[in-house]
Amino acid sequence: MGSELILTPFMACPFLIRMYKLSFVFSKKGYMKYIGHLDLMRLFMRAMRRAELPLKMSEGFSPRPKISFKRALKLGVESDCEEGSIVLRIPVSIEDFIIKLQKQLPEGIEIKHVERNFS
């Protein structure tokens, strides 16, 4: 009873505190230029969920995937170089990320480039 070792979840699973961040560049063309910023966020969240990517969720009362875009594009404007980032629970290869996500995205949105920013 004197010296018992108690493991917390972080000690038992050290990978829980790691963050696997992927930054990606995508294009928004055709009819997708008429989709607003909030709808675009929702579109990516649903596509990533359908692609079964291991999304890191925010903590709190209503958890959401940790996804962000650098800037909001005006409605009706096409772009070849929109930037976003997503945080994953476990690492995923760049090729798998592109293939799985692109299958779930509608025509007019294309993933151009992905890079890792693991901490």
Protein backbone atom coordinates (compact mmCIF):
# COMPACT_ATOMS: atom_id res chain seq x y z
CA MET A 1 0.00 0.00 0.00
CA GLY A 2 3.02 2.25 0.33
CA SER A 3 4.36 2.80 -3.18
CA GLU A 4 1.73 2.00 -5.81
CA LEU A 5 2.20 3.39 -9.28
CA ILE A 6 -0.92 5.02 -10.65
CA LEU A 7 -1.00 5.49 -14.42
CA THR A 8 -2.89 8.43 -15.83
CA PRO A 9 -4.20 8.19 -19.42
CA PHE A 10 -1.31 10.41 -20.62
CA MET A 11 1.30 8.18 -19.00
CA ALA A 12 -0.30 4.97 -20.33
CA CYS A 13 -0.69 6.37 -23.87
CA PRO A 14 1.93 9.06 -24.56
CA PHE A 15 0.69 9.52 -28.14
CA LEU A 16 -2.48 11.18 -26.79
CA ILE A 17 -0.68 14.47 -26.24
CA ARG A 18 0.91 14.56 -29.70
CA MET A 19 -0.66 16.60 -32.46
CA TYR A 20 -0.43 15.61 -36.09
CA LYS A 21 -1.16 18.72 -38.12
CA LEU A 22 -1.49 18.64 -41.88
CA SER A 23 -1.52 21.83 -43.94
CA PHE A 24 -3.14 21.61 -47.35
CA VAL A 25 -3.68 23.77 -50.40
CA PHE A 26 -6.83 23.37 -52.47
CA SER A 27 -8.61 24.99 -55.39
CA LYS A 28 -12.22 26.17 -55.47
CA LYS A 29 -13.63 26.47 -59.00
CA GLY A 30 -16.78 26.13 -61.07
CA TYR A 31 -20.06 26.05 -59.15
CA MET A 32 -18.12 25.74 -55.89
CA LYS A 33 -17.27 29.45 -56.16
CA TYR A 34 -20.84 30.09 -54.97
CA ILE A 35 -20.36 28.27 -51.67
CA GLY A 36 -19.79 30.53 -48.65
CA HIS A 37 -17.02 30.22 -46.07
CA LEU A 38 -19.11 28.55 -43.33
CA ASP A 39 -20.60 26.11 -45.83
CA LEU A 40 -17.10 25.34 -47.09
CA MET A 41 -16.01 24.56 -43.51
CA ARG A 42 -19.01 22.26 -43.10
CA LEU A 43 -18.28 20.62 -46.47
CA PHE A 44 -14.70 19.80 -45.44
CA MET A 45 -15.78 18.51 -42.02
CA ARG A 46 -18.30 16.15 -43.58
CA ALA A 47 -15.88 15.02 -46.32
CA MET A 48 -13.18 14.26 -43.75
CA ARG A 49 -15.64 12.36 -41.58
CA ARG A 50 -16.83 10.34 -44.61
CA ALA A 51 -13.20 9.66 -45.58
CA GLU A 52 -12.77 8.15 -42.09
CA LEU A 53 -9.76 10.31 -41.29
CA PRO A 54 -8.73 10.20 -37.58
CA LEU A 55 -9.79 13.76 -36.76
CA LYS A 56 -8.72 15.41 -33.52
CA MET A 57 -11.80 16.91 -31.89
CA SER A 58 -11.95 20.03 -29.76
CA GLU A 59 -12.72 19.50 -26.12
CA GLY A 60 -15.80 20.84 -24.39
CA PHE A 61 -19.56 20.66 -24.59
CA SER A 62 -19.89 20.40 -28.39
CA PRO A 63 -16.70 18.89 -29.85
CA ARG A 64 -15.82 19.82 -33.43
CA PRO A 65 -12.96 18.78 -35.71
CA LYS A 66 -9.89 21.01 -35.40
CA ILE A 67 -9.88 22.49 -38.89
CA SER A 68 -9.03 26.01 -39.99
CA PHE A 69 -8.66 28.03 -43.17
CA LYS A 70 -6.22 30.93 -43.52
CA ARG A 71 -8.68 33.38 -45.05
CA ALA A 72 -12.30 33.53 -46.12
CA LEU A 73 -12.73 33.87 -49.86
CA LYS A 74 -15.46 36.17 -51.15
CA LEU A 75 -18.58 34.57 -52.55
CA GLY A 76 -18.43 34.11 -56.33
CA VAL A 77 -14.62 34.20 -56.57
CA GLU A 78 -12.57 31.24 -57.83
CA SER A 79 -9.18 30.41 -56.37
CA ASP A 80 -6.27 28.06 -57.15
CA CYS A 81 -4.47 28.51 -53.85
CA GLU A 82 -6.67 28.34 -50.73
CA GLU A 83 -4.89 27.18 -47.57
CA GLY A 84 -6.22 25.12 -44.69
CA SER A 85 -5.01 22.90 -41.88
CA ILE A 86 -6.38 19.95 -39.92
CA VAL A 87 -5.24 18.25 -36.72
CA LEU A 88 -5.31 14.44 -36.62
CA ARG A 89 -5.21 11.99 -33.69
CA ILE A 90 -2.78 9.61 -35.41
CA PRO A 91 -0.42 10.16 -38.34
CA VAL A 92 -1.70 9.48 -41.86
CA SER A 93 0.45 9.36 -44.98
CA ILE A 94 0.10 12.31 -47.30
CA GLU A 95 -0.90 10.05 -50.21
CA ASP A 96 -3.68 8.39 -48.17
CA PHE A 97 -4.93 11.77 -46.99
CA ILE A 98 -5.17 13.12 -50.56
CA ILE A 99 -6.77 9.98 -52.03
CA LYS A 100 -9.34 9.47 -49.26
CA LEU A 101 -10.33 13.12 -49.03
CA GLN A 102 -10.47 13.80 -52.78
CA LYS A 103 -12.93 10.91 -53.24
CA GLN A 104 -15.33 12.63 -50.84
CA LEU A 105 -15.05 16.19 -52.16
CA PRO A 106 -17.44 17.52 -54.82
CA GLU A 107 -16.45 18.54 -58.33
CA GLY A 108 -14.81 21.96 -58.22
CA ILE A 109 -12.73 21.39 -55.07
CA GLU A 110 -9.34 19.77 -55.60
CA ILE A 111 -6.55 19.11 -53.11
CA LYS A 112 -3.35 20.47 -54.68
CA HIS A 113 -0.65 20.05 -52.02
CA VAL A 114 -0.30 18.64 -48.49
CA GLU A 115 2.55 18.93 -46.01
CA ARG A 116 3.10 17.70 -42.45
CA ASN A 117 3.59 19.97 -39.45
CA PHE A 118 3.97 17.39 -36.68
CA SER A 119 4.83 18.73 -33.23
